[in-house]
Amino acid sequence: MRKFKFLGAAAAGALAGLVNGIFGGAGGMVLIPSLRLLSPVQEDALFPISVTVMLPVCVLSLFLSSRAAPLPWSAAMPYLLGSALGGVLVGKFGQRIPALWLHRIFGVMILWGGIRYLW
């Protein structure tokens, strides 16, 4: 079992917050590998811990960015509703998908996003 490294975890959390603040999301992409390397938690607990950490970070980012510019709720609402529905579905049925396939799907999504932003 890995030993918990507090300073490393705090640094990873700070990096996740920076990524989330700069890009408006994606801090969890920093947290999951960091949690895997720096904490003794089991694989199935990584995602819930990441969501627990990122929720207040996202709320804080929303608050700070909405102070800088008004939030267009009418444009955001369809995405919010769709995301909530997707989150509920994955929360209910996601455990049936093998972890290897989730890793592969996530990797393809990251590659696709990176390639799309390069061009």
N, C-alpha and C. Protein backbone atom coordinates (compact mmCIF):
# COMPACT_ATOMS: atom_id res chain seq x y z
N MET A 1 0.84 -1.18 0.00
CA MET A 1 0.00 0.00 0.00
C MET A 1 0.89 1.25 0.00
N ARG A 2 0.51 2.23 -0.82
CA ARG A 2 1.28 3.47 -0.91
C ARG A 2 1.05 4.33 0.33
N LYS A 3 2.08 5.07 0.69
CA LYS A 3 1.99 5.99 1.80
C LYS A 3 1.41 7.31 1.28
N PHE A 4 0.55 7.93 2.05
CA PHE A 4 -0.05 9.21 1.67
C PHE A 4 1.00 10.30 1.77
N LYS A 5 1.11 11.11 0.72
CA LYS A 5 2.07 12.20 0.68
C LYS A 5 1.31 13.52 0.67
N PHE A 6 1.21 14.16 1.85
CA PHE A 6 0.39 15.35 2.01
C PHE A 6 0.83 16.50 1.11
N LEU A 7 2.12 16.82 1.10
CA LEU A 7 2.59 17.95 0.30
C LEU A 7 2.39 17.70 -1.19
N GLY A 8 2.63 16.49 -1.63
CA GLY A 8 2.39 16.16 -3.03
C GLY A 8 0.92 16.28 -3.39
N ALA A 9 0.06 15.82 -2.49
CA ALA A 9 -1.38 15.92 -2.72
C ALA A 9 -1.83 17.38 -2.75
N ALA A 10 -1.28 18.20 -1.85
CA ALA A 10 -1.64 19.62 -1.84
C ALA A 10 -1.16 20.30 -3.13
N ALA A 11 0.03 19.94 -3.60
CA ALA A 11 0.54 20.50 -4.85
C ALA A 11 -0.33 20.06 -6.03
N ALA A 12 -0.75 18.80 -6.04
CA ALA A 12 -1.62 18.31 -7.10
C ALA A 12 -2.97 19.03 -7.06
N GLY A 13 -3.48 19.27 -5.85
CA GLY A 13 -4.74 20.02 -5.71
C GLY A 13 -4.59 21.44 -6.22
N ALA A 14 -3.46 22.07 -5.93
CA ALA A 14 -3.22 23.44 -6.42
C ALA A 14 -3.14 23.44 -7.94
N LEU A 15 -2.46 22.46 -8.51
CA LEU A 15 -2.37 22.36 -9.97
C LEU A 15 -3.75 22.14 -10.58
N ALA A 16 -4.56 21.29 -9.95
CA ALA A 16 -5.93 21.05 -10.45
C ALA A 16 -6.74 22.34 -10.40
N GLY A 17 -6.58 23.11 -9.34
CA GLY A 17 -7.29 24.39 -9.24
C GLY A 17 -6.84 25.37 -10.31
N LEU A 18 -5.53 25.41 -10.56
CA LEU A 18 -5.00 26.29 -11.62
C LEU A 18 -5.55 25.89 -12.99
N VAL A 19 -5.50 24.59 -13.28
CA VAL A 19 -6.01 24.11 -14.57
C VAL A 19 -7.49 24.43 -14.69
N ASN A 20 -8.24 24.20 -13.63
CA ASN A 20 -9.67 24.48 -13.66
C ASN A 20 -9.94 25.96 -13.86
N GLY A 21 -9.17 26.81 -13.20
CA GLY A 21 -9.37 28.24 -13.33
C GLY A 21 -9.00 28.77 -14.69
N ILE A 22 -7.91 28.26 -15.25
CA ILE A 22 -7.46 28.74 -16.56
C ILE A 22 -8.38 28.26 -17.68
N PHE A 23 -8.73 26.98 -17.66
CA PHE A 23 -9.49 26.38 -18.76
C PHE A 23 -10.98 26.26 -18.50
N GLY A 24 -11.42 26.64 -17.31
CA GLY A 24 -12.84 26.53 -17.00
C GLY A 24 -13.28 25.10 -16.72
N GLY A 25 -12.36 24.23 -16.44
CA GLY A 25 -12.66 22.84 -16.15
C GLY A 25 -11.40 22.01 -16.33
N ALA A 26 -11.55 20.72 -16.28
CA ALA A 26 -10.48 19.75 -16.53
C ALA A 26 -9.51 19.59 -15.36
N GLY A 27 -9.81 20.18 -14.22
CA GLY A 27 -8.95 19.97 -13.06
C GLY A 27 -8.93 18.52 -12.61
N GLY A 28 -10.03 17.82 -12.83
CA GLY A 28 -10.10 16.40 -12.48
C GLY A 28 -9.12 15.56 -13.26
N MET A 29 -8.75 16.02 -14.46
CA MET A 29 -7.77 15.27 -15.27
C MET A 29 -6.40 15.31 -14.60
N VAL A 30 -6.15 16.31 -13.79
CA VAL A 30 -4.91 16.37 -13.02
C VAL A 30 -5.05 15.54 -11.75
N LEU A 31 -6.23 15.57 -11.15
CA LEU A 31 -6.41 14.90 -9.86
C LEU A 31 -6.37 13.38 -9.94
N ILE A 32 -7.01 12.80 -10.94
CA ILE A 32 -7.10 11.33 -10.99
C ILE A 32 -5.71 10.70 -11.03
N PRO A 33 -4.82 11.09 -11.95
CA PRO A 33 -3.49 10.48 -11.92
C PRO A 33 -2.72 10.80 -10.64
N SER A 34 -2.92 12.01 -10.11
CA SER A 34 -2.24 12.39 -8.87
C SER A 34 -2.70 11.53 -7.71
N LEU A 35 -4.00 11.32 -7.62
CA LEU A 35 -4.54 10.47 -6.56
C LEU A 35 -3.99 9.05 -6.67
N ARG A 36 -3.88 8.60 -7.91
CA ARG A 36 -3.37 7.25 -8.13
C ARG A 36 -1.93 7.12 -7.65
N LEU A 37 -1.14 8.15 -7.89
CA LEU A 37 0.28 8.09 -7.52
C LEU A 37 0.54 8.42 -6.05
N LEU A 38 -0.25 9.34 -5.49
CA LEU A 38 0.10 9.91 -4.19
C LEU A 38 -0.73 9.43 -3.01
N SER A 39 -1.78 8.68 -3.28
CA SER A 39 -2.63 8.27 -2.15
C SER A 39 -2.85 6.77 -2.15
N PRO A 40 -3.20 6.24 -1.00
CA PRO A 40 -3.41 4.79 -0.90
C PRO A 40 -4.83 4.35 -1.26
N VAL A 41 -5.66 5.24 -1.80
CA VAL A 41 -7.05 4.86 -2.08
C VAL A 41 -7.13 3.87 -3.22
N GLN A 42 -8.17 3.07 -3.19
CA GLN A 42 -8.41 2.07 -4.22
C GLN A 42 -8.89 2.73 -5.51
N GLU A 43 -8.74 2.04 -6.60
CA GLU A 43 -9.10 2.56 -7.93
C GLU A 43 -10.55 3.02 -8.00
N ASP A 44 -11.47 2.27 -7.40
CA ASP A 44 -12.89 2.62 -7.50
C ASP A 44 -13.26 3.86 -6.69
N ALA A 45 -12.37 4.34 -5.83
CA ALA A 45 -12.64 5.55 -5.05
C ALA A 45 -12.04 6.81 -5.67
N LEU A 46 -11.26 6.66 -6.73
CA LEU A 46 -10.59 7.81 -7.33
C LEU A 46 -11.58 8.83 -7.89
N PHE A 47 -12.55 8.37 -8.65
CA PHE A 47 -13.50 9.30 -9.26
C PHE A 47 -14.34 10.03 -8.23
N PRO A 48 -14.94 9.34 -7.24
CA PRO A 48 -15.71 10.08 -6.24
C PRO A 48 -14.88 11.11 -5.47
N ILE A 49 -13.63 10.78 -5.18
CA ILE A 49 -12.78 11.74 -4.48
C ILE A 49 -12.50 12.94 -5.38
N SER A 50 -12.22 12.68 -6.64
CA SER A 50 -11.95 13.76 -7.58
C SER A 50 -13.16 14.69 -7.71
N VAL A 51 -14.34 14.12 -7.81
CA VAL A 51 -15.56 14.94 -7.91
C VAL A 51 -15.76 15.75 -6.64
N THR A 52 -15.51 15.13 -5.49
CA THR A 52 -15.66 15.81 -4.21
C THR A 52 -14.71 17.00 -4.10
N VAL A 53 -13.50 16.84 -4.60
CA VAL A 53 -12.53 17.93 -4.57
C VAL A 53 -12.90 19.01 -5.58
N MET A 54 -13.31 18.60 -6.78
CA MET A 54 -13.54 19.56 -7.85
C MET A 54 -14.85 20.34 -7.70
N LEU A 55 -15.82 19.81 -7.01
CA LEU A 55 -17.09 20.53 -6.87
C LEU A 55 -16.91 21.92 -6.27
N PRO A 56 -16.25 22.06 -5.10
CA PRO A 56 -16.08 23.42 -4.58
C PRO A 56 -15.18 24.29 -5.46
N VAL A 57 -14.22 23.67 -6.14
CA VAL A 57 -13.35 24.44 -7.04
C VAL A 57 -14.18 25.00 -8.20
N CYS A 58 -15.06 24.18 -8.75
CA CYS A 58 -15.92 24.63 -9.85
C CYS A 58 -16.90 25.71 -9.39
N VAL A 59 -17.46 25.55 -8.21
CA VAL A 59 -18.37 26.57 -7.68
C VAL A 59 -17.63 27.89 -7.49
N LEU A 60 -16.42 27.83 -6.95
CA LEU A 60 -15.61 29.03 -6.77
C LEU A 60 -15.28 29.66 -8.12
N SER A 61 -14.90 28.85 -9.11
CA SER A 61 -14.61 29.37 -10.45
C SER A 61 -15.84 30.03 -11.05
N LEU A 62 -17.01 29.42 -10.87
CA LEU A 62 -18.26 29.99 -11.37
C LEU A 62 -18.52 31.35 -10.72
N PHE A 63 -18.35 31.41 -9.42
CA PHE A 63 -18.58 32.67 -8.69
C PHE A 63 -17.64 33.76 -9.18
N LEU A 64 -16.36 33.45 -9.28
CA LEU A 64 -15.38 34.47 -9.68
C LEU A 64 -15.57 34.90 -11.13
N SER A 65 -15.83 33.95 -12.02
CA SER A 65 -16.00 34.33 -13.43
C SER A 65 -17.32 35.07 -13.66
N SER A 66 -18.36 34.76 -12.87
CA SER A 66 -19.63 35.47 -13.05
C SER A 66 -19.54 36.91 -12.52
N ARG A 67 -18.57 37.17 -11.65
CA ARG A 67 -18.35 38.55 -11.21
C ARG A 67 -17.67 39.37 -12.30
N ALA A 68 -16.87 38.69 -13.13
CA ALA A 68 -16.16 39.39 -14.21
C ALA A 68 -17.06 39.66 -15.41
N ALA A 69 -18.00 38.76 -15.67
CA ALA A 69 -18.91 38.92 -16.81
C ALA A 69 -20.22 38.22 -16.46
N PRO A 70 -21.34 38.72 -16.94
CA PRO A 70 -22.62 38.09 -16.62
C PRO A 70 -22.71 36.68 -17.21
N LEU A 71 -23.33 35.80 -16.46
CA LEU A 71 -23.49 34.42 -16.89
C LEU A 71 -24.75 34.29 -17.76
N PRO A 72 -24.63 33.86 -19.00
CA PRO A 72 -25.80 33.70 -19.87
C PRO A 72 -26.52 32.38 -19.55
N TRP A 73 -27.40 32.42 -18.55
CA TRP A 73 -28.09 31.21 -18.10
C TRP A 73 -28.87 30.53 -19.21
N SER A 74 -29.48 31.32 -20.12
CA SER A 74 -30.27 30.71 -21.19
C SER A 74 -29.39 29.87 -22.12
N ALA A 75 -28.16 30.27 -22.34
CA ALA A 75 -27.25 29.48 -23.18
C ALA A 75 -26.70 28.29 -22.41
N ALA A 76 -26.51 28.44 -21.11
CA ALA A 76 -25.92 27.38 -20.30
C ALA A 76 -26.91 26.29 -19.92
N MET A 77 -28.20 26.63 -19.83
CA MET A 77 -29.19 25.69 -19.30
C MET A 77 -29.28 24.36 -20.06
N PRO A 78 -29.32 24.34 -21.40
CA PRO A 78 -29.38 23.03 -22.07
C PRO A 78 -28.18 22.14 -21.74
N TYR A 79 -27.00 22.74 -21.64
CA TYR A 79 -25.81 21.97 -21.29
C TYR A 79 -25.88 21.47 -19.86
N LEU A 80 -26.38 22.32 -18.98
CA LEU A 80 -26.51 21.95 -17.58
C LEU A 80 -27.47 20.77 -17.42
N LEU A 81 -28.61 20.85 -18.08
CA LEU A 81 -29.60 19.76 -17.99
C LEU A 81 -29.06 18.47 -18.61
N GLY A 82 -28.44 18.58 -19.78
CA GLY A 82 -27.86 17.39 -20.42
C GLY A 82 -26.76 16.78 -19.59
N SER A 83 -25.91 17.62 -19.01
CA SER A 83 -24.83 17.11 -18.16
C SER A 83 -25.38 16.42 -16.92
N ALA A 84 -26.41 17.00 -16.33
CA ALA A 84 -27.03 16.38 -15.15
C ALA A 84 -27.60 15.01 -15.51
N LEU A 85 -28.28 14.93 -16.65
CA LEU A 85 -28.85 13.65 -17.08
C LEU A 85 -27.74 12.63 -17.32
N GLY A 86 -26.69 13.05 -18.03
CA GLY A 86 -25.56 12.15 -18.27
C GLY A 86 -24.91 11.70 -16.98
N GLY A 87 -24.76 12.60 -16.03
CA GLY A 87 -24.17 12.24 -14.74
C GLY A 87 -25.01 11.24 -13.98
N VAL A 88 -26.33 11.41 -14.02
CA VAL A 88 -27.23 10.46 -13.35
C VAL A 88 -27.13 9.08 -14.00
N LEU A 89 -27.14 9.06 -15.33
CA LEU A 89 -27.07 7.77 -16.04
C LEU A 89 -25.77 7.04 -15.75
N VAL A 90 -24.66 7.76 -15.81
CA VAL A 90 -23.37 7.12 -15.53
C VAL A 90 -23.28 6.73 -14.06
N GLY A 91 -23.82 7.55 -13.17
CA GLY A 91 -23.82 7.19 -11.76
C GLY A 91 -24.58 5.90 -11.49
N LYS A 92 -25.67 5.70 -12.24
CA LYS A 92 -26.47 4.48 -12.06
C LYS A 92 -25.88 3.28 -12.76
N PHE A 93 -25.39 3.47 -13.97
CA PHE A 93 -25.00 2.34 -14.81
C PHE A 93 -23.50 2.28 -15.10
N GLY A 94 -22.73 3.27 -14.68
CA GLY A 94 -21.31 3.32 -15.00
C GLY A 94 -20.49 2.19 -14.42
N GLN A 95 -20.91 1.63 -13.30
CA GLN A 95 -20.15 0.55 -12.68
C GLN A 95 -20.17 -0.72 -13.52
N ARG A 96 -21.09 -0.79 -14.47
CA ARG A 96 -21.17 -1.97 -15.34
C ARG A 96 -20.15 -1.93 -16.47
N ILE A 97 -19.55 -0.77 -16.69
CA ILE A 97 -18.56 -0.63 -17.76
C ILE A 97 -17.19 -0.97 -17.18
N PRO A 98 -16.46 -1.90 -17.80
CA PRO A 98 -15.14 -2.27 -17.27
C PRO A 98 -14.20 -1.07 -17.23
N ALA A 99 -13.39 -1.00 -16.17
CA ALA A 99 -12.47 0.12 -15.98
C ALA A 99 -11.53 0.28 -17.17
N LEU A 100 -11.09 -0.81 -17.76
CA LEU A 100 -10.19 -0.73 -18.91
C LEU A 100 -10.84 0.04 -20.05
N TRP A 101 -12.13 -0.21 -20.30
CA TRP A 101 -12.83 0.50 -21.37
C TRP A 101 -13.03 1.97 -21.02
N LEU A 102 -13.30 2.25 -19.77
CA LEU A 102 -13.42 3.66 -19.36
C LEU A 102 -12.11 4.40 -19.57
N HIS A 103 -10.99 3.76 -19.23
CA HIS A 103 -9.68 4.37 -19.44
C HIS A 103 -9.44 4.62 -20.92
N ARG A 104 -9.78 3.65 -21.75
CA ARG A 104 -9.57 3.80 -23.20
C ARG A 104 -10.45 4.91 -23.77
N ILE A 105 -11.70 4.93 -23.39
CA ILE A 105 -12.62 5.98 -23.88
C ILE A 105 -12.12 7.35 -23.46
N PHE A 106 -11.71 7.46 -22.20
CA PHE A 106 -11.21 8.74 -21.70
C PHE A 106 -9.94 9.16 -22.45
N GLY A 107 -9.05 8.21 -22.68
CA GLY A 107 -7.82 8.50 -23.43
C GLY A 107 -8.11 8.99 -24.84
N VAL A 108 -9.06 8.35 -25.51
CA VAL A 108 -9.43 8.78 -26.86
C VAL A 108 -10.03 10.18 -26.83
N MET A 109 -10.85 10.46 -25.83
CA MET A 109 -11.45 11.79 -25.72
C MET A 109 -10.38 12.86 -25.49
N ILE A 110 -9.41 12.56 -24.66
CA ILE A 110 -8.33 13.52 -24.41
C ILE A 110 -7.52 13.74 -25.68
N LEU A 111 -7.18 12.66 -26.37
CA LEU A 111 -6.44 12.80 -27.62
C LEU A 111 -7.22 13.61 -28.65
N TRP A 112 -8.50 13.30 -28.79
CA TRP A 112 -9.34 14.01 -29.76
C TRP A 112 -9.39 15.50 -29.42
N GLY A 113 -9.58 15.82 -28.14
CA GLY A 113 -9.62 17.22 -27.73
C GLY A 113 -8.29 17.92 -27.97
N GLY A 114 -7.19 17.24 -27.68
CA GLY A 114 -5.88 17.84 -27.89
C GLY A 114 -5.60 18.09 -29.36
N ILE A 115 -5.91 17.12 -30.19
CA ILE A 115 -5.70 17.29 -31.63
C ILE A 115 -6.58 18.40 -32.18
N ARG A 116 -7.82 18.45 -31.72
CA ARG A 116 -8.76 19.48 -32.18
C ARG A 116 -8.25 20.88 -31.82
N TYR A 117 -7.68 21.03 -30.62
CA TYR A 117 -7.18 22.34 -30.22
C TYR A 117 -5.87 22.71 -30.90
N LEU A 118 -5.10 21.73 -31.34
CA LEU A 118 -3.88 22.05 -32.05
C LEU A 118 -4.15 22.61 -33.44
N TRP A 119 -5.25 22.17 -34.06
CA TRP A 119 -5.59 22.67 -35.39
C TRP A 119 -6.87 23.41 -35.30
